[in-house]
Amino acid sequence: MFFEKLAKNENVCEFLVANFSVNPKLWIRDLAYSEVAQETYLQWKKRNQSLSYVFKQETNKHLCKPFNYNFVCKPNEHPILLKLYLRNALCLETFCILLELTEALPYFDKKMEYDLIWDEISLKVKKYTPFIKYDKDKFRKIILEFYDE
C-alpha cells in the first residue's frame, strides 16, 4: 500500500533523493503519507531548477577571498566551507559542486580522517553528488567571475 502510493509521484527517484538527502532514516510510511516529504521534494525541485542562480548567490554571499582560504584545514578546526554548510549558509548542492569542482573531497578526507562530523558528511556528499545535474564549465565560470573581480 505504501509503495503504491509512493509510485504515484511524477518522478519517484527524484522524490526519494530529495527526501533522503535531508533525512536518510525516513520510513516508507513517512514518505508516502507525509506533507513534509512532499514539501521537501518541492523545495528540492525548485532549488535544482534554479541551481546556477542558487550557486552564484550562495558563493558570492558567503565565500571568502582568496578562494583557497575556504578550503584550508587547520588542526582541530573545520574548514570555512564545511562550517558554512553546517550552519545552512550553503545548500547541499552548492557544497557538493564546490567539492567536486575543486577536487577537495580527498583532501578533506585525509585532513579530517577521524572527525565524526566529517565522516558522516563525506559519506552524504559521495552518495548525493552523482544525482546533481549541472554544467561544470558554467559553474567554473561563475566561480572565476566572482574571484576575478
C-alpha atoms as a PDB file:
ATOM      1  CA  MET A   1       0.000   0.000   0.000  1.00  0.00           C
ATOM      2  CA  PHE A   2       2.809   2.446   0.884  1.00  0.00           C
ATOM      3  CA  PHE A   3       4.751   1.592  -2.257  1.00  0.00           C
ATOM      4  CA  GLU A   4       1.663   2.036  -4.456  1.00  0.00           C
ATOM      5  CA  LYS A   5       1.073   5.477  -3.002  1.00  0.00           C
ATOM      6  CA  LEU A   6       4.730   6.393  -3.466  1.00  0.00           C
ATOM      7  CA  ALA A   7       4.739   5.149  -7.076  1.00  0.00           C
ATOM      8  CA  LYS A   8       2.069   7.729  -7.969  1.00  0.00           C
ATOM      9  CA  ASN A   9       4.631  10.549  -7.708  1.00  0.00           C
ATOM     10  CA  GLU A  10       5.667  12.042 -11.056  1.00  0.00           C
ATOM     11  CA  ASN A  11       9.328  11.117 -10.531  1.00  0.00           C
ATOM     12  CA  VAL A  12       9.857   8.606  -7.731  1.00  0.00           C
ATOM     13  CA  CYS A  13      13.658   8.630  -7.987  1.00  0.00           C
ATOM     14  CA  GLU A  14      13.870  12.414  -7.543  1.00  0.00           C
ATOM     15  CA  PHE A  15      11.328  12.272  -4.723  1.00  0.00           C
ATOM     16  CA  LEU A  16      13.416   9.692  -2.867  1.00  0.00           C
ATOM     17  CA  VAL A  17      16.717  11.507  -3.478  1.00  0.00           C
ATOM     18  CA  ALA A  18      15.239  14.799  -2.266  1.00  0.00           C
ATOM     19  CA  ASN A  19      13.914  13.302   0.946  1.00  0.00           C
ATOM     20  CA  PHE A  20      16.832  11.001   1.758  1.00  0.00           C
ATOM     21  CA  SER A  21      19.268  13.889   1.249  1.00  0.00           C
ATOM     22  CA  VAL A  22      17.522  15.659   4.118  1.00  0.00           C
ATOM     23  CA  ASN A  23      16.853  12.643   6.333  1.00  0.00           C
ATOM     24  CA  PRO A  24      18.419   9.292   5.399  1.00  0.00           C
ATOM     25  CA  LYS A  25      16.461   7.458   8.113  1.00  0.00           C
ATOM     26  CA  LEU A  26      12.948   8.035   6.752  1.00  0.00           C
ATOM     27  CA  TRP A  27      10.425   5.215   6.735  1.00  0.00           C
ATOM     28  CA  ILE A  28       8.335   4.364   3.686  1.00  0.00           C
ATOM     29  CA  ARG A  29       5.181   5.391   5.565  1.00  0.00           C
ATOM     30  CA  ASP A  30       6.665   8.841   6.204  1.00  0.00           C
ATOM     31  CA  LEU A  31       7.455   9.252   2.514  1.00  0.00           C
ATOM     32  CA  ALA A  32       4.085   8.048   1.255  1.00  0.00           C
ATOM     33  CA  TYR A  33       1.749   9.970   3.537  1.00  0.00           C
ATOM     34  CA  SER A  34       3.688  12.965   4.766  1.00  0.00           C
ATOM     35  CA  GLU A  35       3.065  16.541   3.708  1.00  0.00           C
ATOM     36  CA  VAL A  36       6.602  17.311   4.909  1.00  0.00           C
ATOM     37  CA  ALA A  37       8.032  14.838   2.393  1.00  0.00           C
ATOM     38  CA  GLN A  38       6.015  16.454  -0.392  1.00  0.00           C
ATOM     39  CA  GLU A  39       7.168  19.936   0.669  1.00  0.00           C
ATOM     40  CA  THR A  40      10.789  18.756   0.872  1.00  0.00           C
ATOM     41  CA  TYR A  41      10.527  17.439  -2.678  1.00  0.00           C
ATOM     42  CA  LEU A  42       9.022  20.692  -3.985  1.00  0.00           C
ATOM     43  CA  GLN A  43      11.785  22.744  -2.329  1.00  0.00           C
ATOM     44  CA  TRP A  44      14.448  20.407  -3.746  1.00  0.00           C
ATOM     45  CA  LYS A  45      12.923  20.614  -7.213  1.00  0.00           C
ATOM     46  CA  LYS A  46      12.749  24.414  -7.058  1.00  0.00           C
ATOM     47  CA  ARG A  47      16.391  24.636  -5.906  1.00  0.00           C
ATOM     48  CA  ASN A  48      17.583  22.295  -8.652  1.00  0.00           C
ATOM     49  CA  GLN A  49      15.679  24.131 -11.375  1.00  0.00           C
ATOM     50  CA  SER A  50      17.487  27.340 -10.461  1.00  0.00           C
ATOM     51  CA  LEU A  51      20.748  25.694  -9.439  1.00  0.00           C
ATOM     52  CA  SER A  52      23.091  28.138 -11.178  1.00  0.00           C
ATOM     53  CA  TYR A  53      21.309  31.101  -9.570  1.00  0.00           C
ATOM     54  CA  VAL A  54      21.376  29.493  -6.107  1.00  0.00           C
ATOM     55  CA  PHE A  55      25.042  28.565  -6.526  1.00  0.00           C
ATOM     56  CA  LYS A  56      26.001  32.090  -7.607  1.00  0.00           C
ATOM     57  CA  GLN A  57      24.090  33.738  -4.764  1.00  0.00           C
ATOM     58  CA  GLU A  58      25.464  31.473  -2.056  1.00  0.00           C
ATOM     59  CA  THR A  59      29.075  31.559  -3.206  1.00  0.00           C
ATOM     60  CA  ASN A  60      29.096  35.315  -3.750  1.00  0.00           C
ATOM     61  CA  LYS A  61      27.480  35.994  -0.388  1.00  0.00           C
ATOM     62  CA  HIS A  62      29.331  33.574   1.875  1.00  0.00           C
ATOM     63  CA  LEU A  63      32.705  32.518   0.496  1.00  0.00           C
ATOM     64  CA  CYS A  64      35.847  34.384   1.486  1.00  0.00           C
ATOM     65  CA  LYS A  65      38.536  35.810  -0.709  1.00  0.00           C
ATOM     66  CA  PRO A  66      41.049  34.383  -1.536  1.00  0.00           C
ATOM     67  CA  PHE A  67      39.168  31.304  -2.715  1.00  0.00           C
ATOM     68  CA  ASN A  68      41.628  28.737  -1.322  1.00  0.00           C
ATOM     69  CA  TYR A  69      41.146  30.121   2.196  1.00  0.00           C
ATOM     70  CA  ASN A  70      37.696  28.465   2.259  1.00  0.00           C
ATOM     71  CA  PHE A  71      39.275  25.033   1.976  1.00  0.00           C
ATOM     72  CA  VAL A  72      42.134  25.281   4.487  1.00  0.00           C
ATOM     73  CA  CYS A  73      42.069  22.583   7.171  1.00  0.00           C
ATOM     74  CA  LYS A  74      43.717  23.866  10.340  1.00  0.00           C
ATOM     75  CA  PRO A  75      44.472  21.454  13.206  1.00  0.00           C
ATOM     76  CA  ASN A  76      41.403  20.786  15.370  1.00  0.00           C
ATOM     77  CA  GLU A  77      39.269  23.099  13.261  1.00  0.00           C
ATOM     78  CA  HIS A  78      36.869  22.579  10.379  1.00  0.00           C
ATOM     79  CA  PRO A  79      37.443  24.461   7.101  1.00  0.00           C
ATOM     80  CA  ILE A  80      35.281  27.518   6.390  1.00  0.00           C
ATOM     81  CA  LEU A  81      33.428  25.711   3.613  1.00  0.00           C
ATOM     82  CA  LEU A  82      32.288  22.974   5.983  1.00  0.00           C
ATOM     83  CA  LYS A  83      31.280  25.492   8.641  1.00  0.00           C
ATOM     84  CA  LEU A  84      29.137  27.327   6.066  1.00  0.00           C
ATOM     85  CA  TYR A  85      27.418  24.087   5.131  1.00  0.00           C
ATOM     86  CA  LEU A  86      26.832  23.090   8.758  1.00  0.00           C
ATOM     87  CA  ARG A  87      25.113  26.373   9.543  1.00  0.00           C
ATOM     88  CA  ASN A  88      22.971  26.089   6.377  1.00  0.00           C
ATOM     89  CA  ALA A  89      24.567  29.074   4.641  1.00  0.00           C
ATOM     90  CA  LEU A  90      25.335  26.719   1.727  1.00  0.00           C
ATOM     91  CA  CYS A  91      22.858  24.150   0.473  1.00  0.00           C
ATOM     92  CA  LEU A  92      23.960  20.572  -0.067  1.00  0.00           C
ATOM     93  CA  GLU A  93      24.077  21.069  -3.843  1.00  0.00           C
ATOM     94  CA  THR A  94      26.406  24.065  -3.637  1.00  0.00           C
ATOM     95  CA  PHE A  95      28.623  22.266  -1.144  1.00  0.00           C
ATOM     96  CA  CYS A  96      28.862  19.154  -3.345  1.00  0.00           C
ATOM     97  CA  ILE A  97      29.534  21.170  -6.502  1.00  0.00           C
ATOM     98  CA  LEU A  98      32.325  23.138  -4.837  1.00  0.00           C
ATOM     99  CA  LEU A  99      33.927  19.945  -3.546  1.00  0.00           C
ATOM    100  CA  GLU A 100      33.664  18.307  -6.953  1.00  0.00           C
ATOM    101  CA  LEU A 101      34.941  21.274  -8.986  1.00  0.00           C
ATOM    102  CA  THR A 102      37.921  21.826  -6.714  1.00  0.00           C
ATOM    103  CA  GLU A 103      38.511  18.111  -6.106  1.00  0.00           C
ATOM    104  CA  ALA A 104      38.786  18.934  -2.396  1.00  0.00           C
ATOM    105  CA  LEU A 105      36.946  15.843  -1.149  1.00  0.00           C
ATOM    106  CA  PRO A 106      40.048  13.585  -0.970  1.00  0.00           C
ATOM    107  CA  TYR A 107      41.953  16.428   0.730  1.00  0.00           C
ATOM    108  CA  PHE A 108      39.206  16.824   3.343  1.00  0.00           C
ATOM    109  CA  ASP A 109      39.015  13.054   3.823  1.00  0.00           C
ATOM    110  CA  LYS A 110      42.746  12.945   4.505  1.00  0.00           C
ATOM    111  CA  LYS A 111      42.928  16.013   6.777  1.00  0.00           C
ATOM    112  CA  MET A 112      39.807  15.160   8.784  1.00  0.00           C
ATOM    113  CA  GLU A 113      40.288  11.412   8.807  1.00  0.00           C
ATOM    114  CA  TYR A 114      38.979  10.714  12.306  1.00  0.00           C
ATOM    115  CA  ASP A 115      36.446  13.536  12.538  1.00  0.00           C
ATOM    116  CA  LEU A 116      32.995  12.061  13.227  1.00  0.00           C
ATOM    117  CA  ILE A 117      31.153  15.051  11.794  1.00  0.00           C
ATOM    118  CA  TRP A 118      33.145  14.990   8.581  1.00  0.00           C
ATOM    119  CA  ASP A 119      32.811  11.205   8.196  1.00  0.00           C
ATOM    120  CA  GLU A 120      29.026  11.483   8.110  1.00  0.00           C
ATOM    121  CA  ILE A 121      29.023  14.473   5.750  1.00  0.00           C
ATOM    122  CA  SER A 122      31.650  12.933   3.475  1.00  0.00           C
ATOM    123  CA  LEU A 123      29.511   9.842   3.011  1.00  0.00           C
ATOM    124  CA  LYS A 124      26.470  12.009   2.274  1.00  0.00           C
ATOM    125  CA  VAL A 125      28.412  14.037  -0.330  1.00  0.00           C
ATOM    126  CA  LYS A 126      29.758  10.913  -2.024  1.00  0.00           C
ATOM    127  CA  LYS A 127      26.286   9.399  -2.263  1.00  0.00           C
ATOM    128  CA  TYR A 128      24.468  12.586  -3.314  1.00  0.00           C
ATOM    129  CA  THR A 129      26.884  14.152  -5.842  1.00  0.00           C
ATOM    130  CA  PRO A 130      26.042  11.744  -8.711  1.00  0.00           C
ATOM    131  CA  PHE A 131      22.425  12.940  -8.595  1.00  0.00           C
ATOM    132  CA  ILE A 132      23.294  16.619  -9.171  1.00  0.00           C
ATOM    133  CA  LYS A 133      22.903  17.580 -12.813  1.00  0.00           C
ATOM    134  CA  TYR A 134      24.891  20.682 -13.738  1.00  0.00           C
ATOM    135  CA  ASP A 135      27.232  22.088 -16.383  1.00  0.00           C
ATOM    136  CA  LYS A 136      30.736  22.018 -14.889  1.00  0.00           C
ATOM    137  CA  ASP A 137      32.101  24.673 -17.237  1.00  0.00           C
ATOM    138  CA  LYS A 138      29.263  27.079 -16.444  1.00  0.00           C
ATOM    139  CA  PHE A 139      29.760  26.691 -12.695  1.00  0.00           C
ATOM    140  CA  ARG A 140      33.535  27.086 -13.030  1.00  0.00           C
ATOM    141  CA  LYS A 141      32.907  30.376 -14.845  1.00  0.00           C
ATOM    142  CA  ILE A 142      30.637  31.556 -12.024  1.00  0.00           C
ATOM    143  CA  ILE A 143      33.432  30.996  -9.522  1.00  0.00           C
ATOM    144  CA  LEU A 144      36.086  32.572 -11.749  1.00  0.00           C
ATOM    145  CA  GLU A 145      33.940  35.663 -12.406  1.00  0.00           C
ATOM    146  CA  PHE A 146      33.470  36.249  -8.690  1.00  0.00           C
ATOM    147  CA  TYR A 147      37.145  35.824  -7.839  1.00  0.00           C
ATOM    148  CA  ASP A 148      38.426  37.835 -10.810  1.00  0.00           C
ATOM    149  CA  GLU A 149      36.615  40.943  -9.549  1.00  0.00           C
END
